Amino acid sequence: MSEEYSRLVGNIALREIINSLKSGEKTVNAIVEDLKKVSPSGITPLAVELYLWLLQQKGYVQAKGSGPNATYTITDKWKELESKAAK
């Protein structure tokens, strides 16, 4: 398993954001709602946006649109990293 993958999925918030996006394209608010199902305290929309920004900078997530209506999806780069880690 790659060090990068281990660091990303080792962070509970990042792991749950990625898990949320595995079911398809979502807005920040939809991701926040998904995270409430995992943890009653959830995570703030600002924190989710910051994590998504980090994932975008690494090329693992892409955004369509901007502002509060932007939607996010997992990229092929993430899928490759995850499949390599599974081997």
Protein backbone atom coordinates (compact mmCIF):
# COMPACT_ATOMS: atom_id res chain seq x y z
CA MET A 1 0.00 0.00 0.00
CA SER A 2 1.42 3.39 -0.93
CA GLU A 3 2.37 5.89 1.75
CA GLU A 4 0.17 8.56 0.12
CA TYR A 5 -2.89 6.30 0.17
CA SER A 6 -2.23 5.30 3.77
CA ARG A 7 -1.98 8.93 4.87
CA LEU A 8 -5.19 9.88 3.09
CA VAL A 9 -7.35 7.02 4.32
CA GLY A 10 -5.74 7.25 7.75
CA ASN A 11 -7.48 10.60 8.15
CA ILE A 12 -11.05 9.71 9.11
CA ALA A 13 -12.58 12.85 7.59
CA LEU A 14 -10.79 12.40 4.26
CA ARG A 15 -11.70 8.72 4.16
CA GLU A 16 -15.38 9.46 4.78
CA ILE A 17 -15.43 12.26 2.18
CA ILE A 18 -13.98 9.86 -0.40
CA ASN A 19 -16.50 7.18 0.66
CA SER A 20 -19.31 9.70 0.22
CA LEU A 21 -18.12 10.56 -3.28
CA LYS A 22 -17.92 6.91 -4.31
CA SER A 23 -21.69 6.92 -4.76
CA GLY A 24 -21.44 9.74 -7.30
CA GLU A 25 -21.26 13.47 -7.80
CA LYS A 26 -22.12 15.52 -4.70
CA THR A 27 -22.20 19.05 -3.34
CA VAL A 28 -20.45 20.06 -0.11
CA ASN A 29 -23.80 20.06 1.72
CA ALA A 30 -24.60 16.53 0.52
CA ILE A 31 -21.20 15.33 1.75
CA VAL A 32 -21.79 17.05 5.12
CA GLU A 33 -25.11 15.19 5.42
CA ASP A 34 -23.42 11.87 4.59
CA LEU A 35 -20.81 12.51 7.27
CA LYS A 36 -23.56 13.09 9.85
CA LYS A 37 -24.61 9.47 9.28
CA VAL A 38 -21.13 8.33 10.31
CA SER A 39 -20.62 10.76 13.19
CA PRO A 40 -23.44 12.62 14.94
CA SER A 41 -21.22 15.68 15.36
CA GLY A 42 -20.37 15.54 11.67
CA ILE A 43 -17.94 18.03 10.16
CA THR A 44 -18.50 21.64 9.18
CA PRO A 45 -19.05 22.62 5.55
CA LEU A 46 -15.90 24.78 5.70
CA ALA A 47 -13.82 21.81 6.83
CA VAL A 48 -15.28 19.67 4.03
CA GLU A 49 -14.45 22.41 1.51
CA LEU A 50 -10.87 22.53 2.78
CA TYR A 51 -10.48 18.77 2.52
CA LEU A 52 -11.95 18.84 -0.99
CA TRP A 53 -9.51 21.61 -1.93
CA LEU A 54 -6.64 19.44 -0.72
CA LEU A 55 -7.91 16.45 -2.70
CA GLN A 56 -8.32 18.68 -5.78
CA GLN A 57 -4.74 19.93 -5.48
CA LYS A 58 -3.54 16.32 -5.48
CA GLY A 59 -5.75 15.51 -8.47
CA TYR A 60 -7.97 13.00 -6.64
CA VAL A 61 -11.18 15.02 -6.84
CA GLN A 62 -12.53 17.39 -9.46
CA ALA A 63 -15.11 20.13 -9.15
CA LYS A 64 -17.79 21.08 -11.63
CA GLY A 65 -19.03 24.63 -11.17
CA SER A 66 -18.10 26.93 -8.33
CA GLY A 67 -19.47 28.28 -5.11
CA PRO A 68 -22.09 26.52 -3.00
CA ASN A 69 -23.57 24.72 -6.01
CA ALA A 70 -20.27 23.15 -7.12
CA THR A 71 -20.34 19.37 -7.39
CA TYR A 72 -17.40 17.09 -6.73
CA THR A 73 -16.41 13.71 -8.12
CA ILE A 74 -13.57 11.26 -7.64
CA THR A 75 -11.04 11.24 -10.49
CA ASP A 76 -9.42 8.32 -12.25
CA LYS A 77 -6.19 9.22 -10.46
CA TRP A 78 -7.83 8.35 -7.12
CA LYS A 79 -9.29 5.16 -8.54
CA GLU A 80 -5.81 4.11 -9.73
CA LEU A 81 -4.25 4.88 -6.34
CA GLU A 82 -6.97 2.90 -4.59
CA SER A 83 -6.70 -0.08 -6.93
CA LYS A 84 -2.91 -0.21 -6.50
CA ALA A 85 -3.37 -0.12 -2.73
CA ALA A 86 -5.80 -3.03 -2.87
CA LYS A 87 -3.20 -5.31 -4.47
